[in-house]
Protein backbone atom coordinates (compact mmCIF):
# COMPACT_ATOMS: atom_id res chain seq x y z
CA UNK A 1 28.46 21.50 17.75
CA UNK A 2 24.84 21.61 16.82
CA UNK A 3 25.70 21.33 12.71
CA UNK A 4 27.91 18.36 13.62
CA UNK A 5 25.02 16.59 15.66
CA UNK A 6 22.50 17.23 12.75
CA UNK A 7 25.12 15.79 10.39
CA UNK A 8 25.40 12.70 12.02
CA UNK A 9 22.14 11.57 12.47
CA UNK A 10 21.46 12.46 9.10
CA UNK A 11 24.05 10.28 8.32
CA UNK A 12 23.13 7.64 10.83
CA UNK A 13 19.33 7.17 8.76
CA UNK A 14 21.08 7.39 5.57
CA UNK A 15 23.28 4.58 6.57
CA UNK A 16 20.92 2.09 8.33
CA UNK A 17 18.23 2.13 5.52
CA UNK A 18 15.99 4.44 7.72
CA UNK A 19 13.67 6.33 5.40
CA UNK A 20 12.28 9.54 6.83
CA UNK A 21 8.58 9.96 6.32
CA UNK A 22 8.20 6.83 4.51
CA UNK A 23 6.18 4.17 5.60
CA UNK A 24 7.00 0.67 4.95
CA UNK A 25 4.69 -1.04 2.28
CA UNK A 26 3.07 -4.61 2.28
CA UNK A 27 2.77 -6.91 -0.33
CA UNK A 28 -0.78 -6.59 -2.16
CA UNK A 29 -2.34 -9.67 -0.36
CA UNK A 30 -1.48 -8.47 3.11
CA UNK A 31 -3.20 -5.06 2.21
CA UNK A 32 -6.14 -6.74 0.85
CA UNK A 33 -6.48 -8.78 4.18
CA UNK A 34 -5.56 -5.99 6.43
CA UNK A 35 -6.90 -2.63 5.13
CA UNK A 36 -9.91 -4.06 2.49
CA UNK A 37 -11.40 -6.22 5.55
CA UNK A 38 -11.62 -3.64 7.61
CA UNK A 39 -15.19 -2.86 5.79
CA UNK A 40 -15.86 -6.07 4.20
CA UNK A 41 -14.96 -9.57 4.13
CA UNK A 42 -11.72 -10.32 1.95
CA UNK A 43 -13.83 -13.13 0.48
CA UNK A 44 -15.72 -10.54 -1.38
CA UNK A 45 -13.36 -9.01 -3.46
CA UNK A 46 -11.36 -12.33 -4.07
CA UNK A 47 -14.86 -13.78 -5.28
CA UNK A 48 -14.49 -10.84 -8.28
CA UNK A 49 -12.80 -11.33 -11.55
CA UNK A 50 -11.76 -8.00 -13.03
CA UNK A 51 -9.38 -6.80 -15.55
CA UNK A 52 -6.39 -4.43 -13.75
CA UNK A 53 -8.50 -1.41 -15.00
CA UNK A 54 -11.57 -2.25 -13.54
CA UNK A 55 -9.47 -3.20 -10.13
CA UNK A 56 -8.02 0.23 -10.49
CA UNK A 57 -11.74 1.88 -10.67
CA UNK A 58 -12.56 -0.39 -7.60
CA UNK A 59 -9.27 0.34 -5.38
CA UNK A 60 -9.79 3.93 -6.03
CA UNK A 61 -13.69 4.07 -5.56
CA UNK A 62 -12.83 2.38 -2.31
CA UNK A 63 -9.95 5.13 -0.97
CA UNK A 64 -12.99 7.74 -1.89
CA UNK A 65 -15.12 5.41 0.70
CA UNK A 66 -12.52 5.66 3.13
CA UNK A 67 -9.86 3.06 2.61
CA UNK A 68 -6.54 3.91 3.93
CA UNK A 69 -3.87 3.06 1.25
CA UNK A 70 -1.06 5.49 -0.16
CA UNK A 71 0.07 5.73 -3.61
CA UNK A 72 2.47 2.86 -3.38
CA UNK A 73 0.26 0.73 -1.33
CA UNK A 74 -2.52 1.09 -4.05
CA UNK A 75 -0.16 0.17 -7.08
CA UNK A 76 0.89 -2.66 -5.07
CA UNK A 77 -2.81 -3.69 -3.95
CA UNK A 78 -3.93 -3.16 -7.63
CA UNK A 79 -1.36 -5.02 -9.29
CA UNK A 80 -1.96 -7.88 -6.89
CA UNK A 81 -5.67 -7.69 -7.32
CA UNK A 82 -4.75 -7.84 -11.10
CA UNK A 83 -2.74 -10.94 -11.75
CA UNK A 84 -4.48 -13.03 -8.74
CA UNK A 85 -8.16 -12.31 -9.76
CA UNK A 86 -8.27 -11.63 -13.41
CA UNK A 87 -11.06 -12.73 -15.53
């Protein structure tokens, strides 16, 4: 009985597209507005012009200071910043 119930729950999650333990990812623009603006206005990074490598360094430094980004969000933010705010 318990095994069948557990199997049913697993199949429900699998077919509904719900991922256990994975948070939904946001696009880079949303991350910039929501996560970066916790400590400073979003105008600050928007005024900067950096290469993708420089953005990676900046975002890593901000994570070290407490910015809340997981690995997928970090990549999304760096990709967005590198394409949008480049030299």
